[in-house]
Amino acid sequence: NTCSNDGHYEPYMKKSNFVKGTLEECCNTYYSWAFDECMVLGGADQSSASNLDYFYVDYYSNSCKQSCFKKDGTDTKNCGGIAPKWMQTFKTSEECCINKLFWLDQGTCVADSTKNIVSEEDKGSKDWYVDWEMYKCVRDCVKGTGSNCGGLAGNWDDKFITSIACCNTMLPWLDNSHCVG
């Protein structure tokens, strides 16, 4: 995805105005959707990429990728290549996760987007929500990692800071001693 100025082109290309005067003009004409990548691959300085190190959504992996040049795998970034020009980018992974992957647990999304390893114990908000199969309030954390952990809550689940608030609001017909899972 780049232009070259090596002088090796067919005569018809010059006559038909395919050959452009500058790298910028060529990239803008033929690779406008990948302008930054075209400029850098064509020899421009990497600082010419306008959204370098910003984050953009990758719905395939349900994470935000960092806009950067892919290397040999030793890079510490969650590099997804240079973000296409049409892609909305964000300065931080937090902004990207909130705006584009709002249904995911935000701590996990940010960790996945920045290649930070999150232990099972650190996943979830630790707030309380209703497990409607058990009709009990449980904590938003991975099952088996702590007291009353009922699994990670969905974005659609109402969450509460305390078990009492969860029970009184969501399951008021149950006695609090029978409400907590």
C-alpha atoms as a PDB file:
ATOM      1  CA  ASN A   1       0.000   0.000   0.000  1.00  0.00           C
ATOM      2  CA  THR A   2       2.421   2.645  -1.133  1.00  0.00           C
ATOM      3  CA  CYS A   3       3.697   4.671  -4.036  1.00  0.00           C
ATOM      4  CA  SER A   4       7.216   4.609  -5.404  1.00  0.00           C
ATOM      5  CA  ASN A   5       9.296   7.018  -7.391  1.00  0.00           C
ATOM      6  CA  ASP A   6      11.874   4.602  -8.789  1.00  0.00           C
ATOM      7  CA  GLY A   7      11.305   5.630 -12.411  1.00  0.00           C
ATOM      8  CA  HIS A   8      10.152   2.134 -13.406  1.00  0.00           C
ATOM      9  CA  TYR A   9       6.721   2.717 -14.829  1.00  0.00           C
ATOM     10  CA  GLU A  10       5.075   2.052 -18.131  1.00  0.00           C
ATOM     11  CA  PRO A  11       4.843   4.964 -20.621  1.00  0.00           C
ATOM     12  CA  TYR A  12       1.032   4.848 -20.566  1.00  0.00           C
ATOM     13  CA  MET A  13       1.126   5.656 -16.844  1.00  0.00           C
ATOM     14  CA  LYS A  14       2.822   9.000 -17.486  1.00  0.00           C
ATOM     15  CA  LYS A  15       0.517   9.852 -20.397  1.00  0.00           C
ATOM     16  CA  SER A  16      -2.616   8.953 -18.405  1.00  0.00           C
ATOM     17  CA  ASN A  17      -1.546  11.050 -15.404  1.00  0.00           C
ATOM     18  CA  PHE A  18      -1.095   7.993 -13.138  1.00  0.00           C
ATOM     19  CA  VAL A  19       2.337   9.256 -12.114  1.00  0.00           C
ATOM     20  CA  LYS A  20       2.097  11.963  -9.467  1.00  0.00           C
ATOM     21  CA  GLY A  21       4.662  14.610  -8.612  1.00  0.00           C
ATOM     22  CA  THR A  22       5.014  13.868  -4.911  1.00  0.00           C
ATOM     23  CA  LEU A  23       4.602  10.948  -2.543  1.00  0.00           C
ATOM     24  CA  GLU A  24       1.901  12.871  -0.680  1.00  0.00           C
ATOM     25  CA  GLU A  25      -0.087  13.517  -3.868  1.00  0.00           C
ATOM     26  CA  CYS A  26       0.226   9.872  -4.931  1.00  0.00           C
ATOM     27  CA  CYS A  27      -0.806   8.507  -1.510  1.00  0.00           C
ATOM     28  CA  ASN A  28      -3.720  10.917  -1.300  1.00  0.00           C
ATOM     29  CA  THR A  29      -4.922   9.936  -4.798  1.00  0.00           C
ATOM     30  CA  TYR A  30      -4.441   6.149  -4.723  1.00  0.00           C
ATOM     31  CA  TYR A  31      -4.312   5.169  -1.042  1.00  0.00           C
ATOM     32  CA  SER A  32      -6.465   7.749   0.719  1.00  0.00           C
ATOM     33  CA  TRP A  33      -7.969   5.055   2.983  1.00  0.00           C
ATOM     34  CA  ALA A  34      -4.449   4.110   4.153  1.00  0.00           C
ATOM     35  CA  PHE A  35      -2.716   7.475   3.698  1.00  0.00           C
ATOM     36  CA  ASP A  36      -0.422   7.294   6.753  1.00  0.00           C
ATOM     37  CA  GLU A  37       0.736   3.768   5.931  1.00  0.00           C
ATOM     38  CA  CYS A  38       1.357   4.729   2.292  1.00  0.00           C
ATOM     39  CA  MET A  39       3.430   7.763   3.318  1.00  0.00           C
ATOM     40  CA  VAL A  40       5.634   5.850   5.742  1.00  0.00           C
ATOM     41  CA  LEU A  41       6.058   2.793   3.507  1.00  0.00           C
ATOM     42  CA  GLY A  42       6.899   5.181   0.659  1.00  0.00           C
ATOM     43  CA  GLY A  43       9.784   6.653   2.641  1.00  0.00           C
ATOM     44  CA  ALA A  44       8.293   9.499   4.667  1.00  0.00           C
ATOM     45  CA  ASP A  45       9.284   9.874   8.314  1.00  0.00           C
ATOM     46  CA  GLN A  46       7.165   7.807  10.735  1.00  0.00           C
ATOM     47  CA  SER A  47       6.252  11.011  12.561  1.00  0.00           C
ATOM     48  CA  SER A  48       4.171  11.938   9.500  1.00  0.00           C
ATOM     49  CA  ALA A  49       1.546   9.375  10.561  1.00  0.00           C
ATOM     50  CA  SER A  50      -1.189  11.452  12.187  1.00  0.00           C
ATOM     51  CA  ASN A  51      -2.724   8.766  14.418  1.00  0.00           C
ATOM     52  CA  LEU A  52       0.392   6.853  15.453  1.00  0.00           C
ATOM     53  CA  ASP A  53       0.020   5.215  18.891  1.00  0.00           C
ATOM     54  CA  TYR A  54      -3.689   6.052  19.069  1.00  0.00           C
ATOM     55  CA  PHE A  55      -6.197   3.242  19.655  1.00  0.00           C
ATOM     56  CA  TYR A  56      -8.930   1.964  17.343  1.00  0.00           C
ATOM     57  CA  VAL A  57     -11.512  -0.791  17.719  1.00  0.00           C
ATOM     58  CA  ASP A  58     -11.008  -4.298  16.406  1.00  0.00           C
ATOM     59  CA  TYR A  59     -14.406  -6.007  16.652  1.00  0.00           C
ATOM     60  CA  TYR A  60     -12.897  -9.330  15.591  1.00  0.00           C
ATOM     61  CA  SER A  61     -10.824  -9.584  18.792  1.00  0.00           C
ATOM     62  CA  ASN A  62     -13.174  -7.446  20.926  1.00  0.00           C
ATOM     63  CA  SER A  63     -10.288  -5.204  21.876  1.00  0.00           C
ATOM     64  CA  CYS A  64      -8.763  -1.907  20.897  1.00  0.00           C
ATOM     65  CA  LYS A  65      -5.591  -2.082  18.839  1.00  0.00           C
ATOM     66  CA  GLN A  66      -2.830   0.469  18.848  1.00  0.00           C
ATOM     67  CA  SER A  67      -2.123   2.239  15.581  1.00  0.00           C
ATOM     68  CA  CYS A  68       1.512   1.407  14.900  1.00  0.00           C
ATOM     69  CA  PHE A  69       3.805  -0.369  12.486  1.00  0.00           C
ATOM     70  CA  LYS A  70       3.787  -4.126  13.002  1.00  0.00           C
ATOM     71  CA  LYS A  71       7.164  -5.491  13.940  1.00  0.00           C
ATOM     72  CA  ASP A  72       8.517  -8.972  14.532  1.00  0.00           C
ATOM     73  CA  GLY A  73       6.335  -9.672  17.571  1.00  0.00           C
ATOM     74  CA  THR A  74       8.751  -8.278  20.150  1.00  0.00           C
ATOM     75  CA  ASP A  75       6.860  -5.011  20.493  1.00  0.00           C
ATOM     76  CA  THR A  76       5.037  -4.486  23.778  1.00  0.00           C
ATOM     77  CA  LYS A  77       2.128  -2.700  22.071  1.00  0.00           C
ATOM     78  CA  ASN A  78      -1.090  -4.381  20.977  1.00  0.00           C
ATOM     79  CA  CYS A  79      -0.250  -3.276  17.455  1.00  0.00           C
ATOM     80  CA  GLY A  80      -2.896  -3.718  14.809  1.00  0.00           C
ATOM     81  CA  GLY A  81      -1.071  -1.876  12.054  1.00  0.00           C
ATOM     82  CA  ILE A  82      -1.693   1.721  11.086  1.00  0.00           C
ATOM     83  CA  ALA A  83      -5.347   2.631  11.593  1.00  0.00           C
ATOM     84  CA  PRO A  84      -7.133   3.343   8.314  1.00  0.00           C
ATOM     85  CA  LYS A  85      -7.807   7.024   7.727  1.00  0.00           C
ATOM     86  CA  TRP A  86     -11.581   6.510   8.017  1.00  0.00           C
ATOM     87  CA  MET A  87     -11.309   4.711  11.386  1.00  0.00           C
ATOM     88  CA  GLN A  88     -12.129   6.694  14.521  1.00  0.00           C
ATOM     89  CA  THR A  89      -9.123   6.747  16.837  1.00  0.00           C
ATOM     90  CA  PHE A  90      -8.747   7.517  20.538  1.00  0.00           C
ATOM     91  CA  LYS A  91      -5.788   8.787  22.578  1.00  0.00           C
ATOM     92  CA  THR A  92      -6.177   6.068  25.213  1.00  0.00           C
ATOM     93  CA  SER A  93      -7.367   2.468  25.346  1.00  0.00           C
ATOM     94  CA  GLU A  94      -9.847   3.534  28.050  1.00  0.00           C
ATOM     95  CA  GLU A  95     -11.551   5.997  25.679  1.00  0.00           C
ATOM     96  CA  CYS A  96     -11.662   3.387  22.925  1.00  0.00           C
ATOM     97  CA  CYS A  97     -13.149   0.705  25.207  1.00  0.00           C
ATOM     98  CA  ILE A  98     -15.797   3.052  26.646  1.00  0.00           C
ATOM     99  CA  ASN A  99     -16.856   4.415  23.255  1.00  0.00           C
ATOM    100  CA  LYS A 100     -16.604   1.317  21.059  1.00  0.00           C
ATOM    101  CA  LEU A 101     -16.746  -1.763  23.329  1.00  0.00           C
ATOM    102  CA  PHE A 102     -19.029  -0.443  26.075  1.00  0.00           C
ATOM    103  CA  TRP A 103     -20.716  -3.826  26.656  1.00  0.00           C
ATOM    104  CA  LEU A 104     -17.466  -5.445  27.830  1.00  0.00           C
ATOM    105  CA  ASP A 105     -15.994  -5.313  31.319  1.00  0.00           C
ATOM    106  CA  GLN A 106     -13.922  -2.148  30.981  1.00  0.00           C
ATOM    107  CA  GLY A 107     -10.977  -3.347  33.091  1.00  0.00           C
ATOM    108  CA  THR A 108     -10.633  -6.479  30.983  1.00  0.00           C
ATOM    109  CA  CYS A 109     -11.048  -4.523  27.727  1.00  0.00           C
ATOM    110  CA  VAL A 110      -8.293  -2.061  28.685  1.00  0.00           C
ATOM    111  CA  ALA A 111      -5.996  -4.888  29.793  1.00  0.00           C
ATOM    112  CA  ASP A 112      -6.593  -6.812  26.543  1.00  0.00           C
ATOM    113  CA  SER A 113      -6.050  -3.628  24.543  1.00  0.00           C
ATOM    114  CA  THR A 114      -2.722  -2.797  26.179  1.00  0.00           C
ATOM    115  CA  LYS A 115      -1.385  -6.355  26.517  1.00  0.00           C
ATOM    116  CA  ASN A 116      -1.486  -6.127  30.303  1.00  0.00           C
ATOM    117  CA  ILE A 117      -2.129  -9.491  31.870  1.00  0.00           C
ATOM    118  CA  VAL A 118      -5.062  -9.451  34.257  1.00  0.00           C
ATOM    119  CA  SER A 119      -5.324 -12.276  36.740  1.00  0.00           C
ATOM    120  CA  GLU A 120      -8.649 -14.062  37.103  1.00  0.00           C
ATOM    121  CA  GLU A 121      -8.965 -12.517  40.589  1.00  0.00           C
ATOM    122  CA  ASP A 122      -8.757  -8.987  39.179  1.00  0.00           C
ATOM    123  CA  LYS A 123     -11.444  -9.384  36.507  1.00  0.00           C
ATOM    124  CA  GLY A 124     -14.865  -7.825  37.140  1.00  0.00           C
ATOM    125  CA  SER A 125     -15.963  -4.836  39.193  1.00  0.00           C
ATOM    126  CA  LYS A 126     -16.656  -6.778  42.442  1.00  0.00           C
ATOM    127  CA  ASP A 127     -20.059  -5.039  42.536  1.00  0.00           C
ATOM    128  CA  TRP A 128     -23.252  -7.014  43.162  1.00  0.00           C
ATOM    129  CA  TYR A 129     -25.827  -8.092  40.562  1.00  0.00           C
ATOM    130  CA  VAL A 130     -28.663 -10.640  40.339  1.00  0.00           C
ATOM    131  CA  ASP A 131     -28.049 -14.143  39.069  1.00  0.00           C
ATOM    132  CA  TRP A 132     -31.587 -14.715  37.777  1.00  0.00           C
ATOM    133  CA  GLU A 133     -31.166 -18.502  37.569  1.00  0.00           C
ATOM    134  CA  MET A 134     -30.540 -18.676  41.330  1.00  0.00           C
ATOM    135  CA  TYR A 135     -32.547 -15.568  42.342  1.00  0.00           C
ATOM    136  CA  LYS A 136     -29.588 -14.408  44.414  1.00  0.00           C
ATOM    137  CA  CYS A 137     -27.299 -11.397  44.442  1.00  0.00           C
ATOM    138  CA  VAL A 138     -23.735 -12.366  43.521  1.00  0.00           C
ATOM    139  CA  ARG A 139     -20.491 -10.507  42.961  1.00  0.00           C
ATOM    140  CA  ASP A 140     -19.161  -9.479  39.559  1.00  0.00           C
ATOM    141  CA  CYS A 141     -16.014 -11.628  39.532  1.00  0.00           C
ATOM    142  CA  VAL A 142     -14.852 -14.922  38.047  1.00  0.00           C
ATOM    143  CA  LYS A 143     -16.528 -17.885  39.758  1.00  0.00           C
ATOM    144  CA  GLY A 144     -14.297 -19.529  42.321  1.00  0.00           C
ATOM    145  CA  THR A 145     -11.970 -16.548  42.773  1.00  0.00           C
ATOM    146  CA  GLY A 146     -13.600 -15.053  45.843  1.00  0.00           C
ATOM    147  CA  SER A 147     -16.532 -15.023  48.202  1.00  0.00           C
ATOM    148  CA  ASN A 148     -19.933 -14.909  46.443  1.00  0.00           C
ATOM    149  CA  CYS A 149     -18.386 -14.591  42.941  1.00  0.00           C
ATOM    150  CA  GLY A 150     -21.100 -15.400  40.444  1.00  0.00           C
ATOM    151  CA  GLY A 151     -19.206 -14.866  37.205  1.00  0.00           C
ATOM    152  CA  LEU A 152     -18.649 -11.719  35.225  1.00  0.00           C
ATOM    153  CA  ALA A 153     -21.754  -9.549  34.971  1.00  0.00           C
ATOM    154  CA  GLY A 154     -23.128  -8.586  31.604  1.00  0.00           C
ATOM    155  CA  ASN A 155     -23.338  -4.963  30.551  1.00  0.00           C
ATOM    156  CA  TRP A 156     -27.127  -5.272  30.835  1.00  0.00           C
ATOM    157  CA  ASP A 157     -26.991  -6.277  34.520  1.00  0.00           C
ATOM    158  CA  ASP A 158     -27.806  -3.617  37.107  1.00  0.00           C
ATOM    159  CA  LYS A 159     -24.883  -3.411  39.539  1.00  0.00           C
ATOM    160  CA  PHE A 160     -24.837  -2.348  43.166  1.00  0.00           C
ATOM    161  CA  ILE A 161     -22.058  -1.466  45.591  1.00  0.00           C
ATOM    162  CA  THR A 162     -23.476  -3.603  48.410  1.00  0.00           C
ATOM    163  CA  SER A 163     -25.349  -6.883  48.592  1.00  0.00           C
ATOM    164  CA  ILE A 164     -28.088  -5.202  50.681  1.00  0.00           C
ATOM    165  CA  ALA A 165     -28.699  -2.578  47.985  1.00  0.00           C
ATOM    166  CA  CYS A 166     -28.888  -5.352  45.371  1.00  0.00           C
ATOM    167  CA  CYS A 167     -31.299  -7.439  47.463  1.00  0.00           C
ATOM    168  CA  ASN A 168     -33.536  -4.532  48.507  1.00  0.00           C
ATOM    169  CA  THR A 169     -33.783  -3.153  44.967  1.00  0.00           C
ATOM    170  CA  MET A 170     -33.896  -6.263  42.804  1.00  0.00           C
ATOM    171  CA  LEU A 171     -35.237  -9.033  45.086  1.00  0.00           C
ATOM    172  CA  PRO A 172     -37.239  -7.195  47.759  1.00  0.00           C
ATOM    173  CA  TRP A 173     -39.564 -10.168  48.434  1.00  0.00           C
ATOM    174  CA  LEU A 174     -36.625 -12.245  49.700  1.00  0.00           C
ATOM    175  CA  ASP A 175     -35.153 -12.009  53.167  1.00  0.00           C
ATOM    176  CA  ASN A 176     -31.592 -10.650  52.937  1.00  0.00           C
ATOM    177  CA  SER A 177     -30.193 -13.844  54.486  1.00  0.00           C
ATOM    178  CA  HIS A 178     -31.621 -15.860  51.534  1.00  0.00           C
ATOM    179  CA  CYS A 179     -30.827 -13.270  48.889  1.00  0.00           C
ATOM    180  CA  VAL A 180     -27.018 -13.386  48.847  1.00  0.00           C
ATOM    181  CA  GLY A 181     -25.434 -16.186  46.793  1.00  0.00           C
END
